[in-house]
Amino acid sequence: MNVEEVFKNNEKWIAEKLAINPDYFTELSKGQSPEFLYIGCSDSRVTAEDLMGIQPGQAFVHRNVANLVNNVDLNVMTVLNYAVRHLKVNHIVVCGHYNCGGVKAAMQPADLGILNPWLRNIRDVYRIHKEELNAIEDESQRYNRLVELNVQEQCVNLLKTAAVQEAIADRGLTVHGWVFDIHTGRLIDLKIDFEKILKDIKEIYNLY
């Protein structure tokens, strides 16, 4: 696809939206009040709106390599605080995906340069769950399980933040861990018990 086609597609998209609702862009320009903060992977095959079947304005979206919630990453922390404290989202979703290149790269015994400090977060997830992961003989299944555990640990990282703890207490915000199965197109809810996790970690991470 060349750049000219992108702009042609944009014109087609505008026409389609206006055919359904002549006031679509007028309403869109009035502001946003999304229900979801979606934290996903930067992988070009995985798009939040398509996966969730939602429209622009319904999710505030942040994407990075391997869907990490790193407490020293000012980008994700800024997005998180803005979405929770100003947009007042009611749900935060961390969505990983099987066959994730970032997760696979983290498991390679190689110096990957500038990627090293970023991928170390995933290697730490492996270290925490080493016994479970090493017991899985099939390599592809082990990677898939690491994808799931990485999502779980990023949800834990969310629960460590003051903004999320405050929103849970004040208005019942919920945290979700999902995985997109890139082979079938299905979204899988990992059913992470965030209330139990929060209770377990609050002895150390009680910020609100």
N, C-alpha and C. Protein backbone atom coordinates (compact mmCIF):
# COMPACT_ATOMS: atom_id res chain seq x y z
N MET A 1 0.84 -1.20 0.00
CA MET A 1 0.00 0.00 0.00
C MET A 1 0.88 1.25 0.00
N ASN A 2 0.58 2.21 -0.86
CA ASN A 2 1.33 3.45 -0.87
C ASN A 2 0.57 4.54 -0.10
N VAL A 3 1.22 5.66 0.12
CA VAL A 3 0.66 6.74 0.93
C VAL A 3 -0.61 7.30 0.31
N GLU A 4 -0.65 7.40 -1.02
CA GLU A 4 -1.84 7.94 -1.69
C GLU A 4 -3.08 7.11 -1.37
N GLU A 5 -2.90 5.80 -1.29
CA GLU A 5 -4.04 4.93 -0.98
C GLU A 5 -4.57 5.19 0.42
N VAL A 6 -3.67 5.53 1.34
CA VAL A 6 -4.10 5.83 2.71
C VAL A 6 -5.08 6.99 2.71
N PHE A 7 -4.76 8.04 1.97
CA PHE A 7 -5.64 9.21 1.94
C PHE A 7 -6.95 8.93 1.20
N LYS A 8 -6.90 8.08 0.20
CA LYS A 8 -8.13 7.66 -0.47
C LYS A 8 -9.01 6.86 0.49
N ASN A 9 -8.38 5.99 1.25
CA ASN A 9 -9.12 5.22 2.25
C ASN A 9 -9.74 6.12 3.31
N ASN A 10 -9.00 7.19 3.67
CA ASN A 10 -9.53 8.13 4.65
C ASN A 10 -10.80 8.81 4.12
N GLU A 11 -10.79 9.21 2.87
CA GLU A 11 -11.97 9.85 2.28
C GLU A 11 -13.15 8.88 2.24
N LYS A 12 -12.86 7.63 1.93
CA LYS A 12 -13.91 6.61 1.90
C LYS A 12 -14.49 6.39 3.29
N TRP A 13 -13.61 6.37 4.29
CA TRP A 13 -14.04 6.19 5.67
C TRP A 13 -14.94 7.33 6.13
N ILE A 14 -14.55 8.57 5.77
CA ILE A 14 -15.35 9.75 6.12
C ILE A 14 -16.75 9.63 5.51
N ALA A 15 -16.79 9.27 4.24
CA ALA A 15 -18.08 9.15 3.55
C ALA A 15 -18.96 8.08 4.20
N GLU A 16 -18.36 6.98 4.57
CA GLU A 16 -19.12 5.89 5.21
C GLU A 16 -19.69 6.33 6.55
N LYS A 17 -18.90 7.05 7.33
CA LYS A 17 -19.37 7.51 8.63
C LYS A 17 -20.50 8.53 8.48
N LEU A 18 -20.33 9.46 7.55
CA LEU A 18 -21.35 10.49 7.37
C LEU A 18 -22.63 9.93 6.78
N ALA A 19 -22.53 8.86 5.98
CA ALA A 19 -23.73 8.23 5.43
C ALA A 19 -24.59 7.62 6.53
N ILE A 20 -23.93 7.15 7.57
CA ILE A 20 -24.65 6.55 8.70
C ILE A 20 -25.16 7.63 9.65
N ASN A 21 -24.31 8.62 9.91
CA ASN A 21 -24.66 9.69 10.85
C ASN A 21 -24.03 11.00 10.38
N PRO A 22 -24.83 11.91 9.82
CA PRO A 22 -24.29 13.18 9.31
C PRO A 22 -23.58 14.01 10.38
N ASP A 23 -23.89 13.76 11.65
CA ASP A 23 -23.28 14.54 12.74
C ASP A 23 -22.13 13.79 13.42
N TYR A 24 -21.65 12.73 12.78
CA TYR A 24 -20.66 11.87 13.42
C TYR A 24 -19.44 12.66 13.90
N PHE A 25 -18.84 13.45 13.04
CA PHE A 25 -17.61 14.14 13.40
C PHE A 25 -17.88 15.34 14.30
N THR A 26 -19.06 15.93 14.18
CA THR A 26 -19.44 17.01 15.11
C THR A 26 -19.51 16.47 16.53
N GLU A 27 -20.13 15.30 16.67
CA GLU A 27 -20.24 14.68 17.99
C GLU A 27 -18.88 14.21 18.50
N LEU A 28 -18.06 13.68 17.58
CA LEU A 28 -16.74 13.18 17.97
C LEU A 28 -15.85 14.29 18.50
N SER A 29 -16.02 15.50 17.93
CA SER A 29 -15.14 16.62 18.29
C SER A 29 -15.51 17.27 19.62
N LYS A 30 -16.63 16.86 20.21
CA LYS A 30 -17.08 17.49 21.45
C LYS A 30 -16.26 17.05 22.66
N GLY A 31 -15.52 15.95 22.54
CA GLY A 31 -14.71 15.47 23.65
C GLY A 31 -14.80 13.97 23.77
N GLN A 32 -14.13 13.43 24.79
CA GLN A 32 -14.11 11.99 24.96
C GLN A 32 -14.48 11.60 26.38
N SER A 33 -15.16 10.49 26.50
CA SER A 33 -15.48 9.92 27.82
C SER A 33 -15.44 8.41 27.71
N PRO A 34 -14.26 7.85 27.45
CA PRO A 34 -14.13 6.41 27.24
C PRO A 34 -14.39 5.60 28.51
N GLU A 35 -14.92 4.41 28.31
CA GLU A 35 -15.13 3.48 29.42
C GLU A 35 -13.85 2.72 29.76
N PHE A 36 -13.00 2.53 28.74
CA PHE A 36 -11.84 1.65 28.88
C PHE A 36 -10.53 2.40 28.73
N LEU A 37 -9.53 1.98 29.50
CA LEU A 37 -8.13 2.22 29.17
C LEU A 37 -7.60 0.88 28.70
N TYR A 38 -7.12 0.84 27.47
CA TYR A 38 -6.60 -0.39 26.87
C TYR A 38 -5.09 -0.26 26.76
N ILE A 39 -4.36 -1.17 27.41
CA ILE A 39 -2.90 -1.21 27.32
C ILE A 39 -2.54 -2.48 26.57
N GLY A 40 -2.04 -2.31 25.35
CA GLY A 40 -1.77 -3.46 24.50
C GLY A 40 -0.39 -3.42 23.89
N CYS A 41 -0.13 -4.41 23.06
CA CYS A 41 1.16 -4.52 22.39
C CYS A 41 1.18 -3.67 21.12
N SER A 42 2.37 -3.21 20.76
CA SER A 42 2.53 -2.40 19.54
C SER A 42 2.45 -3.22 18.26
N ASP A 43 2.37 -4.53 18.37
CA ASP A 43 2.32 -5.41 17.20
C ASP A 43 1.29 -4.91 16.20
N SER A 44 1.70 -4.80 14.94
CA SER A 44 0.84 -4.22 13.90
C SER A 44 -0.38 -5.08 13.58
N ARG A 45 -0.38 -6.32 14.04
CA ARG A 45 -1.51 -7.22 13.76
C ARG A 45 -2.61 -7.14 14.81
N VAL A 46 -2.37 -6.38 15.86
CA VAL A 46 -3.27 -6.39 17.01
C VAL A 46 -3.78 -4.96 17.26
N THR A 47 -5.02 -4.68 16.91
CA THR A 47 -5.58 -3.34 17.08
C THR A 47 -6.75 -3.37 18.05
N ALA A 48 -6.74 -2.46 19.00
CA ALA A 48 -7.72 -2.48 20.10
C ALA A 48 -9.16 -2.38 19.61
N GLU A 49 -9.43 -1.38 18.75
CA GLU A 49 -10.81 -1.16 18.34
C GLU A 49 -11.38 -2.35 17.58
N ASP A 50 -10.59 -2.94 16.69
CA ASP A 50 -11.07 -4.10 15.93
C ASP A 50 -11.33 -5.29 16.85
N LEU A 51 -10.41 -5.56 17.75
CA LEU A 51 -10.55 -6.70 18.66
C LEU A 51 -11.80 -6.58 19.52
N MET A 52 -12.06 -5.38 20.00
CA MET A 52 -13.14 -5.17 20.95
C MET A 52 -14.46 -4.82 20.26
N GLY A 53 -14.41 -4.55 18.96
CA GLY A 53 -15.63 -4.19 18.24
C GLY A 53 -16.20 -2.87 18.71
N ILE A 54 -15.32 -1.90 18.95
CA ILE A 54 -15.76 -0.60 19.47
C ILE A 54 -15.41 0.51 18.49
N GLN A 55 -15.94 1.69 18.78
CA GLN A 55 -15.76 2.85 17.92
C GLN A 55 -14.78 3.84 18.55
N PRO A 56 -14.23 4.76 17.74
CA PRO A 56 -13.38 5.82 18.30
C PRO A 56 -14.12 6.55 19.41
N GLY A 57 -13.40 6.82 20.50
CA GLY A 57 -14.00 7.49 21.64
C GLY A 57 -14.40 6.56 22.77
N GLN A 58 -14.39 5.26 22.52
CA GLN A 58 -14.83 4.31 23.55
C GLN A 58 -13.67 3.70 24.35
N ALA A 59 -12.45 3.86 23.86
CA ALA A 59 -11.28 3.36 24.60
C ALA A 59 -10.12 4.32 24.45
N PHE A 60 -9.47 4.60 25.56
CA PHE A 60 -8.21 5.35 25.58
C PHE A 60 -7.12 4.31 25.44
N VAL A 61 -6.25 4.45 24.46
CA VAL A 61 -5.36 3.35 24.07
C VAL A 61 -3.90 3.72 24.27
N HIS A 62 -3.17 2.80 24.90
CA HIS A 62 -1.71 2.90 25.00
C HIS A 62 -1.12 1.58 24.53
N ARG A 63 -0.10 1.65 23.68
CA ARG A 63 0.53 0.44 23.17
C ARG A 63 2.05 0.57 23.27
N ASN A 64 2.68 -0.53 23.65
CA ASN A 64 4.14 -0.59 23.63
C ASN A 64 4.55 -2.04 23.41
N VAL A 65 5.85 -2.27 23.25
CA VAL A 65 6.33 -3.62 22.98
C VAL A 65 6.02 -4.52 24.18
N ALA A 66 5.22 -5.55 23.93
CA ALA A 66 4.87 -6.58 24.93
C ALA A 66 3.97 -6.07 26.04
N ASN A 67 3.22 -5.00 25.77
CA ASN A 67 2.18 -4.49 26.69
C ASN A 67 2.64 -4.40 28.15
N LEU A 68 3.72 -3.67 28.36
CA LEU A 68 4.29 -3.55 29.71
C LEU A 68 3.72 -2.35 30.45
N VAL A 69 3.57 -2.51 31.77
CA VAL A 69 3.25 -1.40 32.66
C VAL A 69 4.45 -1.24 33.58
N ASN A 70 5.38 -0.44 33.11
CA ASN A 70 6.67 -0.24 33.78
C ASN A 70 6.60 1.04 34.59
N ASN A 71 6.81 0.95 35.89
CA ASN A 71 6.59 2.11 36.76
C ASN A 71 7.56 3.25 36.51
N VAL A 72 8.67 3.01 35.80
CA VAL A 72 9.59 4.10 35.48
C VAL A 72 9.43 4.58 34.04
N ASP A 73 8.42 4.07 33.35
CA ASP A 73 8.12 4.53 31.99
C ASP A 73 7.12 5.68 32.11
N LEU A 74 7.59 6.91 31.91
CA LEU A 74 6.73 8.07 32.07
C LEU A 74 5.58 8.08 31.07
N ASN A 75 5.78 7.44 29.93
CA ASN A 75 4.72 7.39 28.93
C ASN A 75 3.51 6.65 29.46
N VAL A 76 3.70 5.40 29.87
CA VAL A 76 2.57 4.61 30.34
C VAL A 76 2.01 5.17 31.65
N MET A 77 2.85 5.71 32.51
CA MET A 77 2.36 6.27 33.77
C MET A 77 1.53 7.54 33.54
N THR A 78 1.93 8.34 32.55
CA THR A 78 1.16 9.53 32.21
C THR A 78 -0.19 9.14 31.64
N VAL A 79 -0.20 8.18 30.73
CA VAL A 79 -1.45 7.69 30.15
C VAL A 79 -2.36 7.15 31.24
N LEU A 80 -1.79 6.36 32.13
CA LEU A 80 -2.57 5.76 33.21
C LEU A 80 -3.21 6.82 34.09
N ASN A 81 -2.43 7.77 34.54
CA ASN A 81 -2.96 8.80 35.43
C ASN A 81 -4.00 9.67 34.74
N TYR A 82 -3.79 10.00 33.48
CA TYR A 82 -4.75 10.83 32.76
C TYR A 82 -6.07 10.07 32.57
N ALA A 83 -5.96 8.80 32.18
CA ALA A 83 -7.16 8.01 31.92
C ALA A 83 -7.96 7.77 33.20
N VAL A 84 -7.27 7.50 34.30
CA VAL A 84 -7.95 7.15 35.55
C VAL A 84 -8.44 8.38 36.29
N ARG A 85 -7.60 9.39 36.40
CA ARG A 85 -7.95 10.54 37.24
C ARG A 85 -8.69 11.65 36.52
N HIS A 86 -8.54 11.74 35.21
CA HIS A 86 -9.20 12.82 34.47
C HIS A 86 -10.32 12.31 33.57
N LEU A 87 -10.07 11.25 32.81
CA LEU A 87 -11.13 10.69 31.97
C LEU A 87 -12.08 9.80 32.76
N LYS A 88 -11.65 9.36 33.93
CA LYS A 88 -12.48 8.54 34.82
C LYS A 88 -12.93 7.23 34.17
N VAL A 89 -12.02 6.54 33.51
CA VAL A 89 -12.38 5.24 32.93
C VAL A 89 -12.81 4.30 34.04
N ASN A 90 -13.67 3.35 33.68
CA ASN A 90 -14.18 2.38 34.65
C ASN A 90 -13.50 1.02 34.54
N HIS A 91 -12.79 0.80 33.44
CA HIS A 91 -12.12 -0.48 33.22
C HIS A 91 -10.72 -0.23 32.66
N ILE A 92 -9.74 -0.97 33.18
CA ILE A 92 -8.41 -0.98 32.58
C ILE A 92 -8.14 -2.40 32.09
N VAL A 93 -7.76 -2.50 30.83
CA VAL A 93 -7.48 -3.80 30.22
C VAL A 93 -5.99 -3.86 29.85
N VAL A 94 -5.33 -4.90 30.30
CA VAL A 94 -4.00 -5.23 29.75
C VAL A 94 -4.22 -6.40 28.80
N CYS A 95 -3.89 -6.21 27.53
CA CYS A 95 -4.14 -7.25 26.52
C CYS A 95 -2.83 -7.65 25.85
N GLY A 96 -2.43 -8.89 26.09
CA GLY A 96 -1.29 -9.46 25.38
C GLY A 96 -1.76 -10.30 24.21
N HIS A 97 -0.85 -10.94 23.53
CA HIS A 97 -1.25 -11.80 22.42
C HIS A 97 -0.24 -12.93 22.26
N TYR A 98 -0.76 -14.09 21.88
CA TYR A 98 0.12 -15.22 21.60
C TYR A 98 0.99 -14.91 20.39
N ASN A 99 2.13 -15.56 20.32
CA ASN A 99 3.11 -15.32 19.26
C ASN A 99 3.64 -13.88 19.32
N CYS A 100 3.85 -13.40 20.54
CA CYS A 100 4.35 -12.04 20.74
C CYS A 100 5.85 -12.00 20.52
N GLY A 101 6.29 -11.17 19.60
CA GLY A 101 7.71 -11.07 19.29
C GLY A 101 8.54 -10.55 20.45
N GLY A 102 7.96 -9.63 21.24
CA GLY A 102 8.69 -9.11 22.38
C GLY A 102 8.95 -10.17 23.43
N VAL A 103 7.95 -11.01 23.69
CA VAL A 103 8.10 -12.08 24.67
C VAL A 103 9.14 -13.08 24.17
N LYS A 104 9.07 -13.42 22.89
CA LYS A 104 10.04 -14.37 22.34
C LYS A 104 11.45 -13.80 22.38
N ALA A 105 11.59 -12.51 22.06
CA ALA A 105 12.91 -11.89 22.08
C ALA A 105 13.50 -11.90 23.48
N ALA A 106 12.65 -11.72 24.48
CA ALA A 106 13.13 -11.69 25.86
C ALA A 106 13.72 -13.02 26.29
N MET A 107 13.30 -14.09 25.64
CA MET A 107 13.79 -15.42 26.04
C MET A 107 15.01 -15.87 25.25
N GLN A 108 15.51 -15.02 24.37
CA GLN A 108 16.70 -15.38 23.62
C GLN A 108 17.95 -15.03 24.43
N PRO A 109 18.91 -15.93 24.51
CA PRO A 109 20.16 -15.64 25.24
C PRO A 109 21.09 -14.79 24.37
N ALA A 110 20.69 -13.55 24.19
CA ALA A 110 21.45 -12.68 23.28
C ALA A 110 21.42 -11.24 23.79
N ASP A 111 22.48 -10.50 23.47
CA ASP A 111 22.53 -9.07 23.77
C ASP A 111 21.76 -8.34 22.69
N LEU A 112 20.64 -7.72 23.05
CA LEU A 112 19.80 -7.04 22.07
C LEU A 112 19.91 -5.52 22.18
N GLY A 113 21.01 -5.07 22.74
CA GLY A 113 21.29 -3.63 22.77
C GLY A 113 20.29 -2.84 23.57
N ILE A 114 19.73 -1.79 22.96
CA ILE A 114 18.83 -0.88 23.65
C ILE A 114 17.57 -1.58 24.13
N LEU A 115 17.27 -2.74 23.54
CA LEU A 115 16.09 -3.50 23.97
C LEU A 115 16.30 -4.18 25.32
N ASN A 116 17.54 -4.36 25.72
CA ASN A 116 17.83 -5.13 26.94
C ASN A 116 17.06 -4.65 28.17
N PRO A 117 17.11 -3.34 28.52
CA PRO A 117 16.41 -2.92 29.74
C PRO A 117 14.90 -3.08 29.65
N TRP A 118 14.35 -2.93 28.45
CA TRP A 118 12.90 -3.10 28.28
C TRP A 118 12.51 -4.57 28.43
N LEU A 119 13.25 -5.44 27.75
CA LEU A 119 12.92 -6.86 27.79
C LEU A 119 13.24 -7.49 29.14
N ARG A 120 14.07 -6.83 29.93
CA ARG A 120 14.38 -7.36 31.26
C ARG A 120 13.12 -7.50 32.10
N ASN A 121 12.13 -6.65 31.86
CA ASN A 121 10.87 -6.75 32.59
C ASN A 121 10.18 -8.09 32.34
N ILE A 122 10.28 -8.57 31.09
CA ILE A 122 9.67 -9.86 30.76
C ILE A 122 10.52 -10.99 31.33
N ARG A 123 11.84 -10.82 31.29
CA ARG A 123 12.71 -11.85 31.88
C ARG A 123 12.46 -11.95 33.38
N ASP A 124 12.11 -10.83 34.02
CA ASP A 124 11.78 -10.87 35.44
C ASP A 124 10.50 -11.66 35.68
N VAL A 125 9.55 -11.55 34.76
CA VAL A 125 8.33 -12.35 34.87
C VAL A 125 8.68 -13.83 34.80
N TYR A 126 9.57 -14.18 33.88
CA TYR A 126 10.00 -15.58 33.78
C TYR A 126 10.67 -16.01 35.08
N ARG A 127 11.52 -15.17 35.63
CA ARG A 127 12.22 -15.52 36.88
C ARG A 127 11.22 -15.80 38.00
N ILE A 128 10.19 -14.97 38.11
CA ILE A 128 9.20 -15.13 39.17
C ILE A 128 8.44 -16.45 39.02
N HIS A 129 8.19 -16.85 37.77
CA HIS A 129 7.37 -18.04 37.50
C HIS A 129 8.21 -19.17 36.88
N LYS A 130 9.49 -19.18 37.21
CA LYS A 130 10.43 -20.10 36.56
C LYS A 130 10.02 -21.57 36.71
N GLU A 131 9.61 -21.97 37.89
CA GLU A 131 9.29 -23.39 38.11
C GLU A 131 8.14 -23.84 37.23
N GLU A 132 7.10 -23.05 37.17
CA GLU A 132 5.96 -23.40 36.32
C GLU A 132 6.36 -23.44 34.85
N LEU A 133 7.09 -22.45 34.41
CA LEU A 133 7.45 -22.36 32.99
C LEU A 133 8.43 -23.46 32.58
N ASN A 134 9.41 -23.73 33.41
CA ASN A 134 10.39 -24.75 33.06
C ASN A 134 9.79 -26.15 33.03
N ALA A 135 8.66 -26.32 33.68
CA ALA A 135 7.99 -27.63 33.67
C ALA A 135 7.22 -27.88 32.38
N ILE A 136 7.07 -26.85 31.55
CA ILE A 136 6.36 -26.98 30.28
C ILE A 136 7.38 -27.36 29.21
N GLU A 137 7.30 -28.58 28.71
CA GLU A 137 8.31 -29.07 27.77
C GLU A 137 8.17 -28.47 26.38
N ASP A 138 6.96 -28.30 25.89
CA ASP A 138 6.74 -27.76 24.55
C ASP A 138 7.06 -26.26 24.54
N GLU A 139 8.00 -25.87 23.69
CA GLU A 139 8.47 -24.48 23.70
C GLU A 139 7.36 -23.49 23.36
N SER A 140 6.53 -23.80 22.37
CA SER A 140 5.48 -22.86 21.98
C SER A 140 4.46 -22.69 23.10
N GLN A 141 4.14 -23.78 23.79
CA GLN A 141 3.22 -23.69 24.93
C GLN A 141 3.84 -22.90 26.08
N ARG A 142 5.15 -23.05 26.24
CA ARG A 142 5.84 -22.28 27.28
C ARG A 142 5.78 -20.78 26.97
N TYR A 143 5.99 -20.42 25.71
CA TYR A 143 5.90 -19.01 25.31
C TYR A 143 4.49 -18.49 25.53
N ASN A 144 3.49 -19.29 25.16
CA ASN A 144 2.10 -18.86 25.35
C ASN A 144 1.79 -18.62 26.82
N ARG A 145 2.29 -19.51 27.66
CA ARG A 145 2.04 -19.34 29.09
C ARG A 145 2.77 -18.11 29.62
N LEU A 146 3.96 -17.83 29.09
CA LEU A 146 4.68 -16.62 29.51
C LEU A 146 3.91 -15.37 29.08
N VAL A 147 3.29 -15.41 27.91
CA VAL A 147 2.44 -14.29 27.48
C VAL A 147 1.35 -14.04 28.52
N GLU A 148 0.70 -15.11 28.97
CA GLU A 148 -0.37 -14.98 29.96
C GLU A 148 0.15 -14.45 31.29
N LEU A 149 1.28 -14.99 31.73
CA LEU A 149 1.85 -14.56 33.00
C LEU A 149 2.35 -13.12 32.93
N ASN A 150 2.83 -12.72 31.76
CA ASN A 150 3.25 -11.33 31.59
C ASN A 150 2.05 -10.39 31.73
N VAL A 151 0.93 -10.77 31.14
CA VAL A 151 -0.29 -9.96 31.30
C VAL A 151 -0.66 -9.86 32.78
N GLN A 152 -0.61 -11.00 33.46
CA GLN A 152 -0.95 -11.02 34.88
C GLN A 152 -0.05 -10.08 35.67
N GLU A 153 1.25 -10.12 35.42
CA GLU A 153 2.18 -9.29 36.18
C GLU A 153 2.01 -7.81 35.86
N GLN A 154 1.60 -7.49 34.63
CA GLN A 154 1.35 -6.08 34.31
C GLN A 154 0.09 -5.59 35.02
N CYS A 155 -0.87 -6.49 35.21
CA CYS A 155 -2.05 -6.13 36.01
C CYS A 155 -1.64 -5.87 37.46
N VAL A 156 -0.72 -6.68 37.97
CA VAL A 156 -0.20 -6.46 39.32
C VAL A 156 0.47 -5.10 39.40
N ASN A 157 1.24 -4.75 38.37
CA ASN A 157 1.90 -3.45 38.35
C ASN A 157 0.90 -2.30 38.37
N LEU A 158 -0.22 -2.48 37.69
CA LEU A 158 -1.29 -1.47 37.74
C LEU A 158 -1.81 -1.30 39.16
N LEU A 159 -2.01 -2.43 39.83
CA LEU A 159 -2.58 -2.41 41.17
C LEU A 159 -1.63 -1.82 42.21
N LYS A 160 -0.36 -1.70 41.86
CA LYS A 160 0.62 -1.10 42.76
C LYS A 160 0.55 0.43 42.75
N THR A 161 -0.19 1.02 41.81
CA THR A 161 -0.18 2.47 41.65
C THR A 161 -1.27 3.13 42.51
N ALA A 162 -0.97 4.34 42.96
CA ALA A 162 -1.92 5.08 43.78
C ALA A 162 -3.19 5.42 43.01
N ALA A 163 -3.05 5.78 41.75
CA ALA A 163 -4.21 6.18 40.96
C ALA A 163 -5.22 5.05 40.85
N VAL A 164 -4.73 3.85 40.59
CA VAL A 164 -5.62 2.70 40.45
C VAL A 164 -6.23 2.32 41.80
N GLN A 165 -5.44 2.29 42.84
CA GLN A 165 -5.97 1.98 44.17
C GLN A 165 -7.06 2.96 44.58
N GLU A 166 -6.85 4.23 44.30
CA GLU A 166 -7.83 5.26 44.63
C GLU A 166 -9.13 5.04 43.86
N ALA A 167 -9.00 4.77 42.55
CA ALA A 167 -10.19 4.61 41.71
C ALA A 167 -10.97 3.35 42.07
N ILE A 168 -10.28 2.29 42.48
CA ILE A 168 -10.97 1.07 42.93
C ILE A 168 -11.78 1.37 44.17
N ALA A 169 -11.18 2.09 45.12
CA ALA A 169 -11.87 2.40 46.38
C ALA A 169 -13.01 3.39 46.18
N ASP A 170 -12.81 4.38 45.33
CA ASP A 170 -13.80 5.47 45.20
C ASP A 170 -14.95 5.16 44.25
N ARG A 171 -14.66 4.43 43.15
CA ARG A 171 -15.75 4.23 42.18
C ARG A 171 -15.80 2.82 41.59
N GLY A 172 -15.06 1.88 42.16
CA GLY A 172 -15.17 0.50 41.72
C GLY A 172 -14.54 0.19 40.39
N LEU A 173 -13.47 0.92 40.03
CA LEU A 173 -12.74 0.60 38.80
C LEU A 173 -12.30 -0.86 38.82
N THR A 174 -12.32 -1.49 37.66
CA THR A 174 -11.90 -2.90 37.57
C THR A 174 -10.72 -3.04 36.61
N VAL A 175 -9.87 -4.02 36.90
CA VAL A 175 -8.69 -4.32 36.09
C VAL A 175 -8.87 -5.69 35.45
N HIS A 176 -8.59 -5.78 34.14
CA HIS A 176 -8.80 -7.02 33.41
C HIS A 176 -7.51 -7.44 32.71
N GLY A 177 -7.25 -8.74 32.64
CA GLY A 177 -6.14 -9.29 31.88
C GLY A 177 -6.67 -10.16 30.75
N TRP A 178 -6.37 -9.78 29.52
CA TRP A 178 -6.84 -10.52 28.35
C TRP A 178 -5.66 -10.95 27.49
N VAL A 179 -5.90 -11.98 26.69
CA VAL A 179 -4.94 -12.40 25.67
C VAL A 179 -5.69 -12.56 24.36
N PHE A 180 -5.11 -12.04 23.29
CA PHE A 180 -5.66 -12.22 21.95
C PHE A 180 -4.98 -13.43 21.31
N ASP A 181 -5.78 -14.42 20.94
CA ASP A 181 -5.25 -15.59 20.25
C ASP A 181 -5.15 -15.25 18.76
N ILE A 182 -3.96 -14.98 18.32
CA ILE A 182 -3.74 -14.51 16.95
C ILE A 182 -4.04 -15.59 15.92
N HIS A 183 -4.14 -16.85 16.36
CA HIS A 183 -4.42 -17.96 15.45
C HIS A 183 -5.92 -18.13 15.19
N THR A 184 -6.74 -17.66 16.13
CA THR A 184 -8.20 -17.84 15.99
C THR A 184 -8.96 -16.53 15.98
N GLY A 185 -8.33 -15.44 16.43
CA GLY A 185 -9.02 -14.16 16.52
C GLY A 185 -9.78 -13.96 17.82
N ARG A 186 -9.73 -14.93 18.70
CA ARG A 186 -10.52 -14.85 19.93
C ARG A 186 -9.80 -14.06 21.03
N LEU A 187 -10.60 -13.31 21.78
CA LEU A 187 -10.12 -12.68 23.00
C LEU A 187 -10.35 -13.64 24.16
N ILE A 188 -9.33 -13.84 24.98
CA ILE A 188 -9.43 -14.74 26.12
C ILE A 188 -9.30 -13.93 27.40
N ASP A 189 -10.31 -14.05 28.26
CA ASP A 189 -10.27 -13.39 29.55
C ASP A 189 -9.55 -14.30 30.54
N LEU A 190 -8.43 -13.85 31.07
CA LEU A 190 -7.66 -14.65 32.01
C LEU A 190 -8.31 -14.70 33.40
N LYS A 191 -9.36 -13.92 33.56
CA LYS A 191 -10.13 -13.91 34.83
C LYS A 191 -9.21 -13.71 36.03
N ILE A 192 -8.40 -12.70 35.94
CA ILE A 192 -7.47 -12.38 37.01
C ILE A 192 -8.25 -11.81 38.20
N ASP A 193 -8.04 -12.37 39.35
CA ASP A 193 -8.73 -11.92 40.57
C ASP A 193 -7.98 -10.72 41.14
N PHE A 194 -8.28 -9.53 40.59
CA PHE A 194 -7.51 -8.35 40.97
C PHE A 194 -7.78 -7.95 42.42
N GLU A 195 -8.97 -8.26 42.93
CA GLU A 195 -9.27 -7.91 44.33
C GLU A 195 -8.38 -8.72 45.29
N LYS A 196 -8.19 -10.00 45.00
CA LYS A 196 -7.32 -10.82 45.83
C LYS A 196 -5.87 -10.36 45.73
N ILE A 197 -5.44 -10.06 44.49
CA ILE A 197 -4.06 -9.59 44.31
C ILE A 197 -3.84 -8.31 45.08
N LEU A 198 -4.79 -7.39 44.97
CA LEU A 198 -4.65 -6.11 45.67
C LEU A 198 -4.57 -6.32 47.18
N LYS A 199 -5.40 -7.21 47.69
CA LYS A 199 -5.38 -7.51 49.12
C LYS A 199 -4.02 -8.07 49.54
N ASP A 200 -3.47 -8.95 48.69
CA ASP A 200 -2.19 -9.58 49.01
C ASP A 200 -1.02 -8.61 49.00
N ILE A 201 -1.05 -7.63 48.09
CA ILE A 201 0.10 -6.75 47.93
C ILE A 201 0.00 -5.47 48.76
N LYS A 202 -1.17 -5.22 49.34
CA LYS A 202 -1.35 -3.92 50.01
C LYS A 202 -0.50 -3.77 51.27
N GLU A 203 -0.01 -4.86 51.82
CA GLU A 203 0.88 -4.75 52.98
C GLU A 203 2.10 -3.91 52.63
N ILE A 204 2.53 -4.03 51.37
CA ILE A 204 3.73 -3.30 50.92
C ILE A 204 3.35 -2.10 50.06
N TYR A 205 2.34 -2.28 49.19
CA TYR A 205 2.01 -1.25 48.21
C TYR A 205 0.73 -0.51 48.54
N ASN A 206 0.47 -0.30 49.81
CA ASN A 206 -0.75 0.40 50.24
C ASN A 206 -0.53 1.90 50.11
N LEU A 207 -1.01 2.47 48.99
CA LEU A 207 -0.78 3.90 48.72
C LEU A 207 -2.04 4.73 48.89
N TYR A 208 -3.18 4.05 49.11
CA TYR A 208 -4.42 4.82 49.25
C TYR A 208 -5.31 4.13 50.27
